[in-house]
PDB file of N, CA and C in Angstrom:
ATOM      1  N   MET A   1     107.787 101.760  84.687  1.00  0.00           N
ATOM      2  CA  MET A   1     107.060 100.890  85.588  1.00  0.00           C
ATOM      3  C   MET A   1     107.308 101.385  87.019  1.00  0.00           C
ATOM      4  N   ASP A   2     106.240 101.524  87.805  1.00  0.00           N
ATOM      5  CA  ASP A   2     106.403 102.019  89.170  1.00  0.00           C
ATOM      6  C   ASP A   2     106.726 100.874  90.135  1.00  0.00           C
ATOM      7  N   TYR A   3     106.965 101.244  91.390  1.00  0.00           N
ATOM      8  CA  TYR A   3     107.402 100.291  92.411  1.00  0.00           C
ATOM      9  C   TYR A   3     106.421  99.121  92.552  1.00  0.00           C
ATOM     10  N   GLU A   4     105.134  99.438  92.636  1.00  0.00           N
ATOM     11  CA  GLU A   4     104.127  98.381  92.827  1.00  0.00           C
ATOM     12  C   GLU A   4     104.067  97.439  91.632  1.00  0.00           C
ATOM     13  N   GLN A   5     104.193  97.988  90.431  1.00  0.00           N
ATOM     14  CA  GLN A   5     104.177  97.141  89.231  1.00  0.00           C
ATOM     15  C   GLN A   5     105.392  96.212  89.211  1.00  0.00           C
ATOM     16  N   LYS A   6     106.547  96.753  89.582  1.00  0.00           N
ATOM     17  CA  LYS A   6     107.752  95.918  89.626  1.00  0.00           C
ATOM     18  C   LYS A   6     107.604  94.823  90.671  1.00  0.00           C
ATOM     19  N   MET A   7     107.025  95.172  91.818  1.00  0.00           N
ATOM     20  CA  MET A   7     106.832  94.192  92.881  1.00  0.00           C
ATOM     21  C   MET A   7     105.874  93.091  92.422  1.00  0.00           C
ATOM     22  N   ASN A   8     104.794  93.468  91.757  1.00  0.00           N
ATOM     23  CA  ASN A   8     103.839  92.485  91.240  1.00  0.00           C
ATOM     24  C   ASN A   8     104.491  91.571  90.211  1.00  0.00           C
ATOM     25  N   GLU A   9     105.319  92.151  89.344  1.00  0.00           N
ATOM     26  CA  GLU A   9     105.994  91.339  88.341  1.00  0.00           C
ATOM     27  C   GLU A   9     106.973  90.364  89.006  1.00  0.00           C
ATOM     28  N   LEU A  10     107.688  90.835  90.014  1.00  0.00           N
ATOM     29  CA  LEU A  10     108.606  89.959  90.739  1.00  0.00           C
ATOM     30  C   LEU A  10     107.852  88.817  91.409  1.00  0.00           C
ATOM     31  N   GLU A  11     106.729  89.115  92.027  1.00  0.00           N
ATOM     32  CA  GLU A  11     105.917  88.068  92.658  1.00  0.00           C
ATOM     33  C   GLU A  11     105.441  87.046  91.632  1.00  0.00           C
ATOM     34  N   SER A  12     105.080  87.512  90.454  1.00  0.00           N
ATOM     35  CA  SER A  12     104.656  86.610  89.383  1.00  0.00           C
ATOM     36  C   SER A  12     105.805  85.700  88.947  1.00  0.00           C
ATOM     37  N   ILE A  13     106.977  86.265  88.824  1.00  0.00           N
ATOM     38  CA  ILE A  13     108.165  85.483  88.449  1.00  0.00           C
ATOM     39  C   ILE A  13     108.445  84.421  89.506  1.00  0.00           C
ATOM     40  N   ILE A  14     108.374  84.804  90.759  1.00  0.00           N
ATOM     41  CA  ILE A  14     108.622  83.856  91.852  1.00  0.00           C
ATOM     42  C   ILE A  14     107.626  82.708  91.805  1.00  0.00           C
ATOM     43  N   GLN A  15     106.364  83.026  91.584  1.00  0.00           N
ATOM     44  CA  GLN A  15     105.338  81.982  91.515  1.00  0.00           C
ATOM     45  C   GLN A  15     105.614  81.014  90.372  1.00  0.00           C
ATOM     46  N   LYS A  16     106.009  81.553  89.208  1.00  0.00           N
ATOM     47  CA  LYS A  16     106.326  80.697  88.066  1.00  0.00           C
ATOM     48  C   LYS A  16     107.502  79.778  88.378  1.00  0.00           C
ATOM     49  N   LEU A  17     108.541  80.359  88.992  1.00  0.00           N
ATOM     50  CA  LEU A  17     109.722  79.549  89.310  1.00  0.00           C
ATOM     51  C   LEU A  17     109.401  78.482  90.352  1.00  0.00           C
ATOM     52  N   GLU A  18     108.593  78.843  91.351  1.00  0.00           N
ATOM     53  CA  GLU A  18     108.245  77.888  92.400  1.00  0.00           C
ATOM     54  C   GLU A  18     107.314  76.791  91.903  1.00  0.00           C
ATOM     55  N   SER A  19     106.584  77.055  90.821  1.00  0.00           N
ATOM     56  CA  SER A  19     105.650  76.057  90.295  1.00  0.00           C
ATOM     57  C   SER A  19     106.378  74.835  89.747  1.00  0.00           C
ATOM     58  N   GLY A  20     107.612  75.052  89.289  1.00  0.00           N
ATOM     59  CA  GLY A  20     108.375  73.953  88.725  1.00  0.00           C
ATOM     60  C   GLY A  20     107.913  73.556  87.337  1.00  0.00           C
ATOM     61  N   GLU A  21     107.054  74.358  86.743  1.00  0.00           N
ATOM     62  CA  GLU A  21     106.492  74.012  85.444  1.00  0.00           C
ATOM     63  C   GLU A  21     107.179  74.721  84.277  1.00  0.00           C
ATOM     64  N   VAL A  22     108.225  75.488  84.542  1.00  0.00           N
ATOM     65  CA  VAL A  22     108.931  76.176  83.463  1.00  0.00           C
ATOM     66  C   VAL A  22     110.183  75.398  83.100  1.00  0.00           C
ATOM     67  N   LYS A  23     110.514  75.454  81.835  1.00  0.00           N
ATOM     68  CA  LYS A  23     111.715  74.760  81.363  1.00  0.00           C
ATOM     69  C   LYS A  23     112.956  75.523  81.808  1.00  0.00           C
ATOM     70  N   PHE A  24     114.077  74.843  81.758  1.00  0.00           N
ATOM     71  CA  PHE A  24     115.331  75.392  82.264  1.00  0.00           C
ATOM     72  C   PHE A  24     115.671  76.749  81.657  1.00  0.00           C
ATOM     73  N   ASP A  25     115.590  76.861  80.336  1.00  0.00           N
ATOM     74  CA  ASP A  25     115.942  78.121  79.675  1.00  0.00           C
ATOM     75  C   ASP A  25     115.033  79.262  80.123  1.00  0.00           C
ATOM     76  N   GLU A  26     113.743  78.983  80.227  1.00  0.00           N
ATOM     77  CA  GLU A  26     112.808  80.002  80.686  1.00  0.00           C
ATOM     78  C   GLU A  26     113.066  80.346  82.155  1.00  0.00           C
ATOM     79  N   ALA A  27     113.363  79.339  82.954  1.00  0.00           N
ATOM     80  CA  ALA A  27     113.648  79.568  84.370  1.00  0.00           C
ATOM     81  C   ALA A  27     114.885  80.453  84.530  1.00  0.00           C
ATOM     82  N   THR A  28     115.896  80.212  83.734  1.00  0.00           N
ATOM     83  CA  THR A  28     117.113  81.027  83.781  1.00  0.00           C
ATOM     84  C   THR A  28     116.798  82.469  83.416  1.00  0.00           C
ATOM     85  N   SER A  29     116.021  82.645  82.373  1.00  0.00           N
ATOM     86  CA  SER A  29     115.633  83.986  81.940  1.00  0.00           C
ATOM     87  C   SER A  29     114.798  84.691  83.016  1.00  0.00           C
ATOM     88  N   LEU A  30     113.852  83.958  83.592  1.00  0.00           N
ATOM     89  CA  LEU A  30     113.015  84.528  84.652  1.00  0.00           C
ATOM     90  C   LEU A  30     113.851  84.896  85.875  1.00  0.00           C
ATOM     91  N   PHE A  31     114.813  84.036  86.211  1.00  0.00           N
ATOM     92  CA  PHE A  31     115.676  84.311  87.349  1.00  0.00           C
ATOM     93  C   PHE A  31     116.471  85.597  87.130  1.00  0.00           C
ATOM     94  N   GLU A  32     117.027  85.751  85.934  1.00  0.00           N
ATOM     95  CA  GLU A  32     117.793  86.963  85.616  1.00  0.00           C
ATOM     96  C   GLU A  32     116.906  88.207  85.698  1.00  0.00           C
ATOM     97  N   LYS A  33     115.700  88.110  85.153  1.00  0.00           N
ATOM     98  CA  LYS A  33     114.766  89.234  85.196  1.00  0.00           C
ATOM     99  C   LYS A  33     114.384  89.543  86.646  1.00  0.00           C
ATOM    100  N   GLY A  34     114.160  88.513  87.438  1.00  0.00           N
ATOM    101  CA  GLY A  34     113.823  88.700  88.848  1.00  0.00           C
ATOM    102  C   GLY A  34     114.955  89.346  89.622  1.00  0.00           C
ATOM    103  N   ALA A  35     116.179  88.944  89.328  1.00  0.00           N
ATOM    104  CA  ALA A  35     117.346  89.533  89.998  1.00  0.00           C
ATOM    105  C   ALA A  35     117.465  91.016  89.658  1.00  0.00           C
ATOM    106  N   LEU A  36     117.225  91.372  88.410  1.00  0.00           N
ATOM    107  CA  LEU A  36     117.265  92.772  87.997  1.00  0.00           C
ATOM    108  C   LEU A  36     116.164  93.571  88.698  1.00  0.00           C
ATOM    109  N   LEU A  37     114.971  93.004  88.762  1.00  0.00           N
ATOM    110  CA  LEU A  37     113.874  93.673  89.463  1.00  0.00           C
ATOM    111  C   LEU A  37     114.210  93.873  90.940  1.00  0.00           C
ATOM    112  N   CYS A  38     114.795  92.871  91.569  1.00  0.00           N
ATOM    113  CA  CYS A  38     115.205  92.993  92.979  1.00  0.00           C
ATOM    114  C   CYS A  38     116.172  94.147  93.160  1.00  0.00           C
ATOM    115  N   LYS A  39     117.126  94.257  92.257  1.00  0.00           N
ATOM    116  CA  LYS A  39     118.115  95.329  92.336  1.00  0.00           C
ATOM    117  C   LYS A  39     117.434  96.689  92.187  1.00  0.00           C
ATOM    118  N   GLU A  40     116.519  96.814  91.230  1.00  0.00           N
ATOM    119  CA  GLU A  40     115.811  98.071  91.015  1.00  0.00           C
ATOM    120  C   GLU A  40     114.925  98.422  92.208  1.00  0.00           C
ATOM    121  N   LEU A  41     114.219  97.426  92.730  1.00  0.00           N
ATOM    122  CA  LEU A  41     113.349  97.658  93.889  1.00  0.00           C
ATOM    123  C   LEU A  41     114.163  98.066  95.114  1.00  0.00           C
ATOM    124  N   SER A  42     115.287  97.431  95.306  1.00  0.00           N
ATOM    125  CA  SER A  42     116.149  97.758  96.441  1.00  0.00           C
ATOM    126  C   SER A  42     116.657  99.187  96.334  1.00  0.00           C
ATOM    127  N   LYS A  43     117.061  99.604  95.129  1.00  0.00           N
ATOM    128  CA  LYS A  43     117.546 100.966  94.929  1.00  0.00           C
ATOM    129  C   LYS A  43     116.427 101.968  95.173  1.00  0.00           C
ATOM    130  N   THR A  44     115.239 101.690  94.657  1.00  0.00           N
ATOM    131  CA  THR A  44     114.098 102.582  94.860  1.00  0.00           C
ATOM    132  C   THR A  44     113.787 102.708  96.346  1.00  0.00           C
ATOM    133  N   PHE A  45     113.809 101.583  97.061  1.00  0.00           N
ATOM    134  CA  PHE A  45     113.533 101.585  98.492  1.00  0.00           C
ATOM    135  C   PHE A  45     114.606 102.375  99.243  1.00  0.00           C
ATOM    136  N   ASP A  46     115.874 102.146  98.914  1.00  0.00           N
ATOM    137  CA  ASP A  46     116.965 102.861  99.574  1.00  0.00           C
ATOM    138  C   ASP A  46     116.882 104.367  99.319  1.00  0.00           C
ATOM    139  N   ASP A  47     116.525 104.746  98.082  1.00  0.00           N
ATOM    140  CA  ASP A  47     116.365 106.165  97.758  1.00  0.00           C
ATOM    141  C   ASP A  47     115.246 106.786  98.583  1.00  0.00           C
ATOM    142  N   ALA A  48     114.125 106.080  98.694  1.00  0.00           N
ATOM    143  CA  ALA A  48     113.001 106.589  99.484  1.00  0.00           C
ATOM    144  C   ALA A  48     113.374 106.669 100.951  1.00  0.00           C
ATOM    145  N   LYS A  49     114.091 105.676 101.434  1.00  0.00           N
ATOM    146  CA  LYS A  49     114.526 105.667 102.830  1.00  0.00           C
ATOM    147  C   LYS A  49     115.427 106.867 103.106  1.00  0.00           C
ATOM    148  N   GLY A  50     116.307 107.178 102.158  1.00  0.00           N
ATOM    149  CA  GLY A  50     117.185 108.327 102.301  1.00  0.00           C
ATOM    150  C   GLY A  50     116.407 109.627 102.353  1.00  0.00           C
ATOM    151  N   LYS A  51     115.357 109.735 101.535  1.00  0.00           N
ATOM    152  CA  LYS A  51     114.535 110.943 101.533  1.00  0.00           C
ATOM    153  C   LYS A  51     113.804 111.098 102.858  1.00  0.00           C
ATOM    154  N   VAL A  52     113.295 110.001 103.388  1.00  0.00           N
ATOM    155  CA  VAL A  52     112.596 110.051 104.673  1.00  0.00           C
ATOM    156  C   VAL A  52     113.565 110.464 105.774  1.00  0.00           C
ATOM    157  N   THR A  53     114.779 109.935 105.728  1.00  0.00           N
ATOM    158  CA  THR A  53     115.780 110.290 106.728  1.00  0.00           C
ATOM    159  C   THR A  53     116.099 111.780 106.676  1.00  0.00           C
ATOM    160  N   VAL A  54     116.261 112.324 105.466  1.00  0.00           N
ATOM    161  CA  VAL A  54     116.559 113.749 105.315  1.00  0.00           C
ATOM    162  C   VAL A  54     115.416 114.589 105.854  1.00  0.00           C
ATOM    163  N   VAL A  55     114.183 114.238 105.489  1.00  0.00           N
ATOM    164  CA  VAL A  55     113.019 114.980 105.971  1.00  0.00           C
ATOM    165  C   VAL A  55     112.950 114.906 107.493  1.00  0.00           C
ATOM    166  N   ARG A  56     113.175 113.729 108.028  1.00  0.00           N
ATOM    167  CA  ARG A  56     113.124 113.563 109.482  1.00  0.00           C
ATOM    168  C   ARG A  56     114.196 114.414 110.164  1.00  0.00           C
ATOM    169  N   GLN A  57     115.390 114.412 109.610  1.00  0.00           N
ATOM    170  CA  GLN A  57     116.465 115.219 110.184  1.00  0.00           C
ATOM    171  C   GLN A  57     116.107 116.699 110.128  1.00  0.00           C
ATOM    172  N   GLU A  58     115.500 117.130 109.023  1.00  0.00           N
ATOM    173  CA  GLU A  58     115.089 118.525 108.902  1.00  0.00           C
ATOM    174  C   GLU A  58     114.016 118.853 109.943  1.00  0.00           C
ATOM    175  N   LEU A  59     113.072 117.947 110.098  1.00  0.00           N
ATOM    176  CA  LEU A  59     112.019 118.174 111.084  1.00  0.00           C
ATOM    177  C   LEU A  59     112.577 118.182 112.495  1.00  0.00           C
ATOM    178  N   MET A  60     113.488 117.279 112.778  1.00  0.00           N
ATOM    179  CA  MET A  60     114.084 117.232 114.101  1.00  0.00           C
ATOM    180  C   MET A  60     114.863 118.520 114.366  1.00  0.00           C
ATOM    181  N   GLY A  61     115.515 119.034 113.337  1.00  0.00           N
ATOM    182  CA  GLY A  61     116.236 120.292 113.477  1.00  0.00           C
ATOM    183  C   GLY A  61     115.288 121.427 113.791  1.00  0.00           C
ATOM    184  N   LEU A  62     114.135 121.428 113.150  1.00  0.00           N
ATOM    185  CA  LEU A  62     113.149 122.473 113.416  1.00  0.00           C
ATOM    186  C   LEU A  62     112.614 122.362 114.827  1.00  0.00           C
ATOM    187  N   ILE A  63     112.389 121.154 115.245  1.00  0.00           N
ATOM    188  CA  ILE A  63     111.866 120.935 116.585  1.00  0.00           C
ATOM    189  C   ILE A  63     112.891 121.362 117.625  1.00  0.00           C
ATOM    190  N   LYS A  64     114.152 121.030 117.387  1.00  0.00           N
ATOM    191  CA  LYS A  64     115.201 121.362 118.348  1.00  0.00           C
ATOM    192  C   LYS A  64     115.418 122.872 118.436  1.00  0.00           C
ATOM    193  N   GLU A  65     115.212 123.565 117.329  1.00  0.00           N
ATOM    194  CA  GLU A  65     115.468 125.004 117.317  1.00  0.00           C
ATOM    195  C   GLU A  65     114.365 125.802 118.014  1.00  0.00           C
ATOM    196  N   GLU A  66     113.195 125.224 118.144  1.00  0.00           N
ATOM    197  CA  GLU A  66     112.082 125.932 118.784  1.00  0.00           C
ATOM    198  C   GLU A  66     112.171 125.811 120.284  1.00  0.00           C
ATOM    199  N   GLU A  67     111.938 126.900 120.950  1.00  0.00           N
ATOM    200  CA  GLU A  67     111.931 126.875 122.397  1.00  0.00           C
ATOM    201  C   GLU A  67     110.502 127.049 122.887  1.00  0.00           C
ATOM    202  N   LEU A  68     110.148 126.268 123.859  1.00  0.00           N
ATOM    203  CA  LEU A  68     108.821 126.386 124.464  1.00  0.00           C
ATOM    204  C   LEU A  68     108.917 127.244 125.702  1.00  0.00           C
ATOM    205  N   ASN A  69     107.987 128.156 125.854  1.00  0.00           N
ATOM    206  CA  ASN A  69     107.956 129.021 127.047  1.00  0.00           C
ATOM    207  C   ASN A  69     106.879 128.575 127.997  1.00  0.00           C
TER     208      ASN A  69
END
């Protein structure tokens, strides 16, 4: 499942929980699933952020090494 699919599933879980129409056992299960999705989404986001930082640092290094005449 990709990032957008996980985000959509998390939003669906939140809507179900906020509706107040789910029974306690289902709400507990949904909460656990939502917490796991949050953890996965956070890791995916942090990994992407790290990649952007590395690319930016590489680009900044290239820019700094070039001299303009």
